[in-house]
Amino acid sequence: MKEIPQLVLDEISQHLEQFFIPIFVQFSSPTPNIKLIGSGTLVEAYQKYYVLTAAHVWHETGDVDQIGFALPPYSSLLIPRQGLSPKILCDQNNPQWGPDLALLSLPSSVVGKIKAYKTFLNFPKQKTAFTNQPRKLEKGIWAVTGMVGELSDVQNDLGTQIIHADIQGRAFFGAITQTHEFHEYDYFDLKAKLELDGVPSSFCGLSGGGLWQVDLLQTKSKQITWKEPPHFRGVEFGQLPITNNYRTIRCHGPQGIFQKAWEFWGFDQK
């Protein structure tokens, strides 16, 4: 990590940010307010548009009428909860392992507004690339993208009834420290060193964010740079208790997403 210039990490982070979208719920009583609940990745598959997130993020929406999606710099959109037609993969008896995935279908009427600010990832293209050219875990650098609840803030101005939300999205870089398999799904763990600058003590809010593998290159002048496109590899859905000042972040891996979940979502029939 030390030999990778901060400028390169910033470029990667900025690129990955275009696929990330924060998720919130809005309440109207007793006073207007919002609650930040998680993160999602914008994906496109077979001319339809989705937000891929964690199932427990969806369950956080409860019985509210509308789900909110934040857009930069100060915009957002509200979508009726029932209009998102979620496809849920969830095993609440095994929260440590999952599956913990939700695919939310976006109404065509909101796609244009989202595209004005963000980019949808070509999901089938990512699956094909993973199937045809699997990469070793130690290749490149890994990143988890999403919202950091600990660093984000919501202020409710009761006088004007205007809600101000300062949402902090980040890309956290590292390496895969451990892999697991459980009930036909693969899981990847990354460790965050909490004593480093900018690393929160909790990753609440990151749930549903994307896991990425990014290829690195060395130029003839020995400079480290990165290569497009980044490779989508999974969905973050949990964190483990702190051990020796490290926090483990757990993600769904690509095998389960591009096989088991892919079939459940009906994409294998396309």
C-alpha atoms as a PDB file:
ATOM      1  CA  MET A   1       0.000   0.000   0.000  1.00  0.00           C
ATOM      2  CA  LYS A   2       2.787   2.442   0.831  1.00  0.00           C
ATOM      3  CA  GLU A   3       4.222   2.391  -2.684  1.00  0.00           C
ATOM      4  CA  ILE A   4       0.868   3.271  -4.271  1.00  0.00           C
ATOM      5  CA  PRO A   5       0.710   7.076  -4.632  1.00  0.00           C
ATOM      6  CA  GLN A   6      -2.183   8.793  -2.903  1.00  0.00           C
ATOM      7  CA  LEU A   7      -3.066  10.411  -6.229  1.00  0.00           C
ATOM      8  CA  VAL A   8      -3.653   6.954  -7.729  1.00  0.00           C
ATOM      9  CA  LEU A   9      -5.838   5.904  -4.793  1.00  0.00           C
ATOM     10  CA  ASP A  10      -7.807   9.139  -5.139  1.00  0.00           C
ATOM     11  CA  GLU A  11      -8.343   8.492  -8.855  1.00  0.00           C
ATOM     12  CA  ILE A  12      -9.589   4.971  -8.175  1.00  0.00           C
ATOM     13  CA  SER A  13     -11.867   6.208  -5.406  1.00  0.00           C
ATOM     14  CA  GLN A  14     -13.347   8.901  -7.635  1.00  0.00           C
ATOM     15  CA  HIS A  15     -13.950   6.380 -10.412  1.00  0.00           C
ATOM     16  CA  LEU A  16     -15.673   3.865  -8.127  1.00  0.00           C
ATOM     17  CA  GLU A  17     -17.819   6.562  -6.559  1.00  0.00           C
ATOM     18  CA  GLN A  18     -19.824   6.916  -9.770  1.00  0.00           C
ATOM     19  CA  PHE A  19     -21.400   3.476  -9.177  1.00  0.00           C
ATOM     20  CA  PHE A  20     -22.200   4.013  -5.478  1.00  0.00           C
ATOM     21  CA  ILE A  21     -25.481   5.388  -4.148  1.00  0.00           C
ATOM     22  CA  PRO A  22     -26.467   6.069  -0.492  1.00  0.00           C
ATOM     23  CA  ILE A  23     -29.850   4.811   0.699  1.00  0.00           C
ATOM     24  CA  PHE A  24     -32.108   6.461   3.284  1.00  0.00           C
ATOM     25  CA  VAL A  25     -35.679   6.444   4.543  1.00  0.00           C
ATOM     26  CA  GLN A  26     -37.779   9.533   5.193  1.00  0.00           C
ATOM     27  CA  PHE A  27     -40.266   9.952   8.012  1.00  0.00           C
ATOM     28  CA  SER A  28     -43.035  12.541   8.142  1.00  0.00           C
ATOM     29  CA  SER A  29     -44.057  12.181  11.787  1.00  0.00           C
ATOM     30  CA  PRO A  30     -43.784  13.194  14.517  1.00  0.00           C
ATOM     31  CA  THR A  31     -41.471  15.618  12.674  1.00  0.00           C
ATOM     32  CA  PRO A  32     -39.953  15.334   9.183  1.00  0.00           C
ATOM     33  CA  ASN A  33     -36.647  13.494   9.327  1.00  0.00           C
ATOM     34  CA  ILE A  34     -34.496  10.998   7.480  1.00  0.00           C
ATOM     35  CA  LYS A  35     -32.448   7.979   8.527  1.00  0.00           C
ATOM     36  CA  LEU A  36     -29.370   6.851   6.612  1.00  0.00           C
ATOM     37  CA  ILE A  37     -29.584   3.059   6.322  1.00  0.00           C
ATOM     38  CA  GLY A  38     -26.929   1.831   3.909  1.00  0.00           C
ATOM     39  CA  SER A  39     -25.277   1.765   0.526  1.00  0.00           C
ATOM     40  CA  GLY A  40     -25.890   0.307  -2.899  1.00  0.00           C
ATOM     41  CA  THR A  41     -24.239  -0.258  -6.266  1.00  0.00           C
ATOM     42  CA  LEU A  42     -25.974   0.886  -9.447  1.00  0.00           C
ATOM     43  CA  VAL A  43     -26.123  -1.947 -11.984  1.00  0.00           C
ATOM     44  CA  GLU A  44     -27.687  -2.456 -15.381  1.00  0.00           C
ATOM     45  CA  ALA A  45     -28.705  -5.864 -16.719  1.00  0.00           C
ATOM     46  CA  TYR A  46     -30.526  -6.604 -19.950  1.00  0.00           C
ATOM     47  CA  GLN A  47     -31.896  -3.077 -20.391  1.00  0.00           C
ATOM     48  CA  LYS A  48     -33.209  -2.849 -16.837  1.00  0.00           C
ATOM     49  CA  TYR A  49     -31.737  -0.850 -13.978  1.00  0.00           C
ATOM     50  CA  TYR A  50     -31.184  -1.836 -10.371  1.00  0.00           C
ATOM     51  CA  VAL A  51     -29.627  -1.018  -7.024  1.00  0.00           C
ATOM     52  CA  LEU A  52     -27.707  -3.961  -5.587  1.00  0.00           C
ATOM     53  CA  THR A  53     -27.480  -3.836  -1.799  1.00  0.00           C
ATOM     54  CA  ALA A  54     -27.642  -6.019   1.310  1.00  0.00           C
ATOM     55  CA  ALA A  55     -30.920  -7.636   2.359  1.00  0.00           C
ATOM     56  CA  HIS A  56     -30.687  -6.243   5.880  1.00  0.00           C
ATOM     57  CA  VAL A  57     -30.464  -2.730   4.413  1.00  0.00           C
ATOM     58  CA  TRP A  58     -33.795  -3.349   2.710  1.00  0.00           C
ATOM     59  CA  HIS A  59     -35.259  -4.694   5.955  1.00  0.00           C
ATOM     60  CA  GLU A  60     -34.218  -1.406   7.611  1.00  0.00           C
ATOM     61  CA  THR A  61     -36.803   0.354   5.444  1.00  0.00           C
ATOM     62  CA  GLY A  62     -39.538  -1.196   7.577  1.00  0.00           C
ATOM     63  CA  ASP A  63     -42.993  -0.072   6.517  1.00  0.00           C
ATOM     64  CA  VAL A  64     -42.151   3.413   5.246  1.00  0.00           C
ATOM     65  CA  ASP A  65     -43.915   4.556   2.111  1.00  0.00           C
ATOM     66  CA  GLN A  66     -40.854   5.829   0.227  1.00  0.00           C
ATOM     67  CA  ILE A  67     -37.174   4.950  -0.047  1.00  0.00           C
ATOM     68  CA  GLY A  68     -34.646   7.696  -0.679  1.00  0.00           C
ATOM     69  CA  PHE A  69     -31.479   7.675  -2.776  1.00  0.00           C
ATOM     70  CA  ALA A  70     -28.970  10.497  -2.363  1.00  0.00           C
ATOM     71  CA  LEU A  71     -27.369  12.093  -5.419  1.00  0.00           C
ATOM     72  CA  PRO A  72     -24.476  14.561  -5.575  1.00  0.00           C
ATOM     73  CA  PRO A  73     -24.037  17.272  -4.685  1.00  0.00           C
ATOM     74  CA  TYR A  74     -27.293  18.125  -2.877  1.00  0.00           C
ATOM     75  CA  SER A  75     -29.983  16.204  -4.707  1.00  0.00           C
ATOM     76  CA  SER A  76     -31.997  13.090  -3.974  1.00  0.00           C
ATOM     77  CA  LEU A  77     -34.973  11.145  -5.203  1.00  0.00           C
ATOM     78  CA  LEU A  78     -37.774   9.328  -3.410  1.00  0.00           C
ATOM     79  CA  ILE A  79     -39.260   6.141  -4.803  1.00  0.00           C
ATOM     80  CA  PRO A  80     -42.366   4.349  -3.479  1.00  0.00           C
ATOM     81  CA  ARG A  81     -41.185   1.308  -1.537  1.00  0.00           C
ATOM     82  CA  GLN A  82     -43.619  -1.001  -3.293  1.00  0.00           C
ATOM     83  CA  GLY A  83     -42.298   0.149  -6.680  1.00  0.00           C
ATOM     84  CA  LEU A  84     -38.801  -1.243  -6.116  1.00  0.00           C
ATOM     85  CA  SER A  85     -39.891  -4.916  -6.429  1.00  0.00           C
ATOM     86  CA  PRO A  86     -37.013  -6.301  -4.324  1.00  0.00           C
ATOM     87  CA  LYS A  87     -35.543  -9.727  -4.965  1.00  0.00           C
ATOM     88  CA  ILE A  88     -34.264 -10.804  -1.564  1.00  0.00           C
ATOM     89  CA  LEU A  89     -31.756 -13.501  -0.657  1.00  0.00           C
ATOM     90  CA  CYS A  90     -31.557 -13.692   3.115  1.00  0.00           C
ATOM     91  CA  ASP A  91     -30.914 -16.239   5.845  1.00  0.00           C
ATOM     92  CA  GLN A  92     -31.657 -14.488   9.120  1.00  0.00           C
ATOM     93  CA  ASN A  93     -30.562 -17.587  11.033  1.00  0.00           C
ATOM     94  CA  ASN A  94     -26.982 -16.995   9.844  1.00  0.00           C
ATOM     95  CA  PRO A  95     -26.375 -13.222   9.945  1.00  0.00           C
ATOM     96  CA  GLN A  96     -22.622 -13.802  10.107  1.00  0.00           C
ATOM     97  CA  TRP A  97     -22.706 -15.556   6.731  1.00  0.00           C
ATOM     98  CA  GLY A  98     -25.839 -14.734   4.852  1.00  0.00           C
ATOM     99  CA  PRO A  99     -26.873 -14.813   2.104  1.00  0.00           C
ATOM    100  CA  ASP A 100     -27.593 -11.140   2.602  1.00  0.00           C
ATOM    101  CA  LEU A 101     -28.409  -9.662  -0.797  1.00  0.00           C
ATOM    102  CA  ALA A 102     -31.178  -7.511  -2.257  1.00  0.00           C
ATOM    103  CA  LEU A 103     -31.675  -6.442  -5.863  1.00  0.00           C
ATOM    104  CA  LEU A 104     -33.984  -3.429  -6.145  1.00  0.00           C
ATOM    105  CA  SER A 105     -35.595  -2.731  -9.509  1.00  0.00           C
ATOM    106  CA  LEU A 106     -35.666   0.968 -10.396  1.00  0.00           C
ATOM    107  CA  PRO A 107     -38.668   2.473 -12.210  1.00  0.00           C
ATOM    108  CA  SER A 108     -37.726   3.652 -15.695  1.00  0.00           C
ATOM    109  CA  SER A 109     -38.985   7.138 -14.792  1.00  0.00           C
ATOM    110  CA  VAL A 110     -36.048   7.765 -12.410  1.00  0.00           C
ATOM    111  CA  VAL A 111     -33.222   6.275 -14.468  1.00  0.00           C
ATOM    112  CA  GLY A 112     -32.568   9.465 -16.428  1.00  0.00           C
ATOM    113  CA  LYS A 113     -32.153  11.563 -13.288  1.00  0.00           C
ATOM    114  CA  ILE A 114     -29.738   9.047 -11.774  1.00  0.00           C
ATOM    115  CA  LYS A 115     -27.721   8.911 -14.994  1.00  0.00           C
ATOM    116  CA  ALA A 116     -27.291  12.686 -14.825  1.00  0.00           C
ATOM    117  CA  TYR A 117     -25.178  12.179 -11.692  1.00  0.00           C
ATOM    118  CA  LYS A 118     -24.085   8.545 -11.624  1.00  0.00           C
ATOM    119  CA  THR A 119     -23.179   5.550 -13.811  1.00  0.00           C
ATOM    120  CA  PHE A 120     -24.765   2.119 -13.994  1.00  0.00           C
ATOM    121  CA  LEU A 121     -22.358  -0.816 -14.027  1.00  0.00           C
ATOM    122  CA  ASN A 122     -22.810  -3.283 -16.893  1.00  0.00           C
ATOM    123  CA  PHE A 123     -23.567  -6.321 -14.738  1.00  0.00           C
ATOM    124  CA  PRO A 124     -23.579  -9.062 -17.421  1.00  0.00           C
ATOM    125  CA  LYS A 125     -20.274  -7.753 -18.792  1.00  0.00           C
ATOM    126  CA  GLN A 126     -18.754  -8.025 -15.321  1.00  0.00           C
ATOM    127  CA  LYS A 127     -20.013 -11.598 -15.000  1.00  0.00           C
ATOM    128  CA  THR A 128     -18.556 -12.566 -18.383  1.00  0.00           C
ATOM    129  CA  ALA A 129     -15.190 -11.047 -17.507  1.00  0.00           C
ATOM    130  CA  PHE A 130     -15.118 -12.883 -14.173  1.00  0.00           C
ATOM    131  CA  THR A 131     -16.027 -16.199 -15.799  1.00  0.00           C
ATOM    132  CA  ASN A 132     -13.586 -15.900 -18.698  1.00  0.00           C
ATOM    133  CA  GLN A 133     -10.660 -14.265 -16.906  1.00  0.00           C
ATOM    134  CA  PRO A 134     -10.660 -15.029 -13.184  1.00  0.00           C
ATOM    135  CA  ARG A 135      -8.009 -13.077 -11.310  1.00  0.00           C
ATOM    136  CA  LYS A 136      -5.883 -14.192  -8.403  1.00  0.00           C
ATOM    137  CA  LEU A 137      -6.796 -12.660  -5.061  1.00  0.00           C
ATOM    138  CA  GLU A 138      -3.352 -11.140  -4.634  1.00  0.00           C
ATOM    139  CA  LYS A 139      -3.547  -9.338  -7.984  1.00  0.00           C
ATOM    140  CA  GLY A 140      -4.046  -5.568  -7.839  1.00  0.00           C
ATOM    141  CA  ILE A 141      -5.688  -3.769  -4.954  1.00  0.00           C
ATOM    142  CA  TRP A 142      -9.086  -4.269  -3.344  1.00  0.00           C
ATOM    143  CA  ALA A 143     -11.578  -1.600  -2.338  1.00  0.00           C
ATOM    144  CA  VAL A 144     -14.905  -1.479  -0.533  1.00  0.00           C
ATOM    145  CA  THR A 145     -17.066   1.521  -1.384  1.00  0.00           C
ATOM    146  CA  GLY A 146     -19.995   2.931   0.520  1.00  0.00           C
ATOM    147  CA  MET A 147     -21.361   5.371   3.028  1.00  0.00           C
ATOM    148  CA  VAL A 148     -19.720   5.755   6.433  1.00  0.00           C
ATOM    149  CA  GLY A 149     -22.435   6.374   8.995  1.00  0.00           C
ATOM    150  CA  GLU A 150     -19.980   7.424  11.699  1.00  0.00           C
ATOM    151  CA  LEU A 151     -18.671  10.244   9.510  1.00  0.00           C
ATOM    152  CA  SER A 152     -22.058  11.284   8.090  1.00  0.00           C
ATOM    153  CA  ASP A 153     -24.496  13.658   9.749  1.00  0.00           C
ATOM    154  CA  VAL A 154     -28.176  14.582   9.511  1.00  0.00           C
ATOM    155  CA  GLN A 155     -29.441  17.949  10.796  1.00  0.00           C
ATOM    156  CA  ASN A 156     -33.159  18.684  10.988  1.00  0.00           C
ATOM    157  CA  ASP A 157     -34.069  22.394  10.973  1.00  0.00           C
ATOM    158  CA  LEU A 158     -37.458  22.379  12.679  1.00  0.00           C
ATOM    159  CA  GLY A 159     -38.011  26.046  11.880  1.00  0.00           C
ATOM    160  CA  THR A 160     -37.737  25.689   8.123  1.00  0.00           C
ATOM    161  CA  GLN A 161     -38.467  21.935   8.080  1.00  0.00           C
ATOM    162  CA  ILE A 162     -35.400  21.526   5.893  1.00  0.00           C
ATOM    163  CA  ILE A 163     -33.272  18.440   6.460  1.00  0.00           C
ATOM    164  CA  HIS A 164     -29.541  18.769   5.835  1.00  0.00           C
ATOM    165  CA  ALA A 165     -27.626  15.529   5.285  1.00  0.00           C
ATOM    166  CA  ASP A 166     -23.841  15.466   5.078  1.00  0.00           C
ATOM    167  CA  ILE A 167     -23.201  12.018   3.613  1.00  0.00           C
ATOM    168  CA  GLN A 168     -19.638  10.757   3.560  1.00  0.00           C
ATOM    169  CA  GLY A 169     -18.902   8.120   0.940  1.00  0.00           C
ATOM    170  CA  ARG A 170     -15.509   6.447   0.939  1.00  0.00           C
ATOM    171  CA  ALA A 171     -13.439   3.794  -0.744  1.00  0.00           C
ATOM    172  CA  PHE A 172     -11.456   1.736   1.747  1.00  0.00           C
ATOM    173  CA  PHE A 173      -8.421   0.029   0.227  1.00  0.00           C
ATOM    174  CA  GLY A 174      -6.723  -3.161   1.331  1.00  0.00           C
ATOM    175  CA  ALA A 175      -6.244  -6.836   0.587  1.00  0.00           C
ATOM    176  CA  ILE A 176      -8.324  -9.954   1.093  1.00  0.00           C
ATOM    177  CA  THR A 177      -7.153 -11.493   4.365  1.00  0.00           C
ATOM    178  CA  GLN A 178      -9.375 -14.574   4.398  1.00  0.00           C
ATOM    179  CA  THR A 179     -11.943 -16.380   2.238  1.00  0.00           C
ATOM    180  CA  HIS A 180     -14.807 -18.666   3.277  1.00  0.00           C
ATOM    181  CA  GLU A 181     -17.488 -20.850   1.700  1.00  0.00           C
ATOM    182  CA  PHE A 182     -20.881 -21.438   3.265  1.00  0.00           C
ATOM    183  CA  HIS A 183     -23.987 -22.924   1.633  1.00  0.00           C
ATOM    184  CA  GLU A 184     -22.786 -22.375  -1.958  1.00  0.00           C
ATOM    185  CA  TYR A 185     -21.754 -18.769  -1.331  1.00  0.00           C
ATOM    186  CA  ASP A 186     -18.232 -17.430  -1.065  1.00  0.00           C
ATOM    187  CA  TYR A 187     -17.220 -14.713   1.376  1.00  0.00           C
ATOM    188  CA  PHE A 188     -14.224 -12.399   1.449  1.00  0.00           C
ATOM    189  CA  ASP A 189     -12.822 -10.712   4.558  1.00  0.00           C
ATOM    190  CA  LEU A 190     -10.784  -7.512   4.638  1.00  0.00           C
ATOM    191  CA  LYS A 191      -9.183  -6.033   7.744  1.00  0.00           C
ATOM    192  CA  ALA A 192      -9.249  -2.339   8.591  1.00  0.00           C
ATOM    193  CA  LYS A 193      -6.547  -0.951  10.876  1.00  0.00           C
ATOM    194  CA  LEU A 194      -8.495   1.412  13.102  1.00  0.00           C
ATOM    195  CA  GLU A 195      -5.521   3.509  14.200  1.00  0.00           C
ATOM    196  CA  LEU A 196      -4.957   4.827  10.677  1.00  0.00           C
ATOM    197  CA  ASP A 197      -6.129   8.345   9.835  1.00  0.00           C
ATOM    198  CA  GLY A 198      -9.617   8.501   8.357  1.00  0.00           C
ATOM    199  CA  VAL A 199     -10.597   4.959   9.368  1.00  0.00           C
ATOM    200  CA  PRO A 200     -13.819   4.886  11.437  1.00  0.00           C
ATOM    201  CA  SER A 201     -14.267   2.619  14.441  1.00  0.00           C
ATOM    202  CA  SER A 202     -17.497   1.288  12.921  1.00  0.00           C
ATOM    203  CA  PHE A 203     -18.479   0.649   9.317  1.00  0.00           C
ATOM    204  CA  CYS A 204     -22.229   0.942   9.828  1.00  0.00           C
ATOM    205  CA  GLY A 205     -23.672   2.475   6.670  1.00  0.00           C
ATOM    206  CA  LEU A 206     -21.184   0.670   4.441  1.00  0.00           C
ATOM    207  CA  SER A 207     -23.538  -2.326   4.221  1.00  0.00           C
ATOM    208  CA  GLY A 208     -24.641  -2.959   0.659  1.00  0.00           C
ATOM    209  CA  GLY A 209     -21.596  -1.220  -0.804  1.00  0.00           C
ATOM    210  CA  GLY A 210     -19.505  -2.784  -3.552  1.00  0.00           C
ATOM    211  CA  LEU A 211     -16.331  -4.846  -3.315  1.00  0.00           C
ATOM    212  CA  TRP A 212     -13.885  -4.146  -6.148  1.00  0.00           C
ATOM    213  CA  GLN A 213     -10.624  -5.541  -7.474  1.00  0.00           C
ATOM    214  CA  VAL A 214      -8.524  -2.994  -9.359  1.00  0.00           C
ATOM    215  CA  ASP A 215      -5.543  -3.888 -11.554  1.00  0.00           C
ATOM    216  CA  LEU A 216      -2.308  -1.990 -10.948  1.00  0.00           C
ATOM    217  CA  LEU A 217       0.429  -1.332 -13.487  1.00  0.00           C
ATOM    218  CA  GLN A 218       3.991  -0.094 -13.358  1.00  0.00           C
ATOM    219  CA  THR A 219       5.042   2.282 -16.118  1.00  0.00           C
ATOM    220  CA  LYS A 220       8.451   2.303 -17.797  1.00  0.00           C
ATOM    221  CA  SER A 221       9.418   5.092 -15.430  1.00  0.00           C
ATOM    222  CA  LYS A 222       8.560   2.796 -12.468  1.00  0.00           C
ATOM    223  CA  GLN A 223       5.451   4.773 -11.570  1.00  0.00           C
ATOM    224  CA  ILE A 224       2.466   2.889 -10.154  1.00  0.00           C
ATOM    225  CA  THR A 225      -0.839   3.496 -11.925  1.00  0.00           C
ATOM    226  CA  TRP A 226      -4.140   1.652 -12.343  1.00  0.00           C
ATOM    227  CA  LYS A 227      -5.981   0.078 -15.232  1.00  0.00           C
ATOM    228  CA  GLU A 228      -9.626   0.365 -16.203  1.00  0.00           C
ATOM    229  CA  PRO A 229     -12.113  -1.191 -15.908  1.00  0.00           C
ATOM    230  CA  PRO A 230     -12.361  -2.059 -12.222  1.00  0.00           C
ATOM    231  CA  HIS A 231     -13.710  -5.531 -11.494  1.00  0.00           C
ATOM    232  CA  PHE A 232     -16.860  -5.844  -9.397  1.00  0.00           C
ATOM    233  CA  ARG A 233     -16.355  -8.650  -6.900  1.00  0.00           C
ATOM    234  CA  GLY A 234     -19.038  -8.511  -4.243  1.00  0.00           C
ATOM    235  CA  VAL A 235     -21.243  -6.786  -1.689  1.00  0.00           C
ATOM    236  CA  GLU A 236     -20.274  -5.737   1.835  1.00  0.00           C
ATOM    237  CA  PHE A 237     -22.810  -6.845   4.427  1.00  0.00           C
ATOM    238  CA  GLY A 238     -21.213  -7.017   7.860  1.00  0.00           C
ATOM    239  CA  GLN A 239     -18.438  -6.266  10.292  1.00  0.00           C
ATOM    240  CA  LEU A 240     -16.954  -8.394  13.058  1.00  0.00           C
ATOM    241  CA  PRO A 241     -16.012  -7.270  16.590  1.00  0.00           C
ATOM    242  CA  ILE A 242     -12.762  -5.333  16.981  1.00  0.00           C
ATOM    243  CA  THR A 243      -9.697  -7.517  17.620  1.00  0.00           C
ATOM    244  CA  ASN A 244      -6.279  -6.026  18.404  1.00  0.00           C
ATOM    245  CA  ASN A 245      -7.374  -2.671  16.966  1.00  0.00           C
ATOM    246  CA  TYR A 246      -8.475  -4.262  13.681  1.00  0.00           C
ATOM    247  CA  ARG A 247     -12.009  -4.503  12.327  1.00  0.00           C
ATOM    248  CA  THR A 248     -12.901  -7.251   9.849  1.00  0.00           C
ATOM    249  CA  ILE A 249     -15.259  -6.284   7.024  1.00  0.00           C
ATOM    250  CA  ARG A 250     -17.146  -9.206   5.465  1.00  0.00           C
ATOM    251  CA  CYS A 251     -18.375  -9.265   1.863  1.00  0.00           C
ATOM    252  CA  HIS A 252     -20.216 -11.589  -0.453  1.00  0.00           C
ATOM    253  CA  GLY A 253     -17.765 -12.867  -3.074  1.00  0.00           C
ATOM    254  CA  PRO A 254     -18.191 -13.068  -6.861  1.00  0.00           C
ATOM    255  CA  GLN A 255     -18.807 -16.811  -7.117  1.00  0.00           C
ATOM    256  CA  GLY A 256     -22.053 -16.667  -5.168  1.00  0.00           C
ATOM    257  CA  ILE A 257     -23.227 -13.467  -6.827  1.00  0.00           C
ATOM    258  CA  PHE A 258     -22.516 -14.516 -10.413  1.00  0.00           C
ATOM    259  CA  GLN A 259     -23.841 -18.061  -9.969  1.00  0.00           C
ATOM    260  CA  LYS A 260     -26.270 -18.699  -7.105  1.00  0.00           C
ATOM    261  CA  ALA A 261     -27.710 -15.188  -6.851  1.00  0.00           C
ATOM    262  CA  TRP A 262     -27.585 -14.700 -10.622  1.00  0.00           C
ATOM    263  CA  GLU A 263     -29.851 -17.704 -11.068  1.00  0.00           C
ATOM    264  CA  PHE A 264     -32.216 -16.535  -8.316  1.00  0.00           C
ATOM    265  CA  TRP A 265     -32.543 -13.132  -9.989  1.00  0.00           C
ATOM    266  CA  GLY A 266     -33.460 -14.855 -13.260  1.00  0.00           C
ATOM    267  CA  PHE A 267     -30.493 -13.494 -15.195  1.00  0.00           C
ATOM    268  CA  ASP A 268     -29.348 -16.988 -16.213  1.00  0.00           C
ATOM    269  CA  GLN A 269     -32.395 -17.227 -18.480  1.00  0.00           C
ATOM    270  CA  LYS A 270     -31.443 -14.110 -20.469  1.00  0.00           C
END
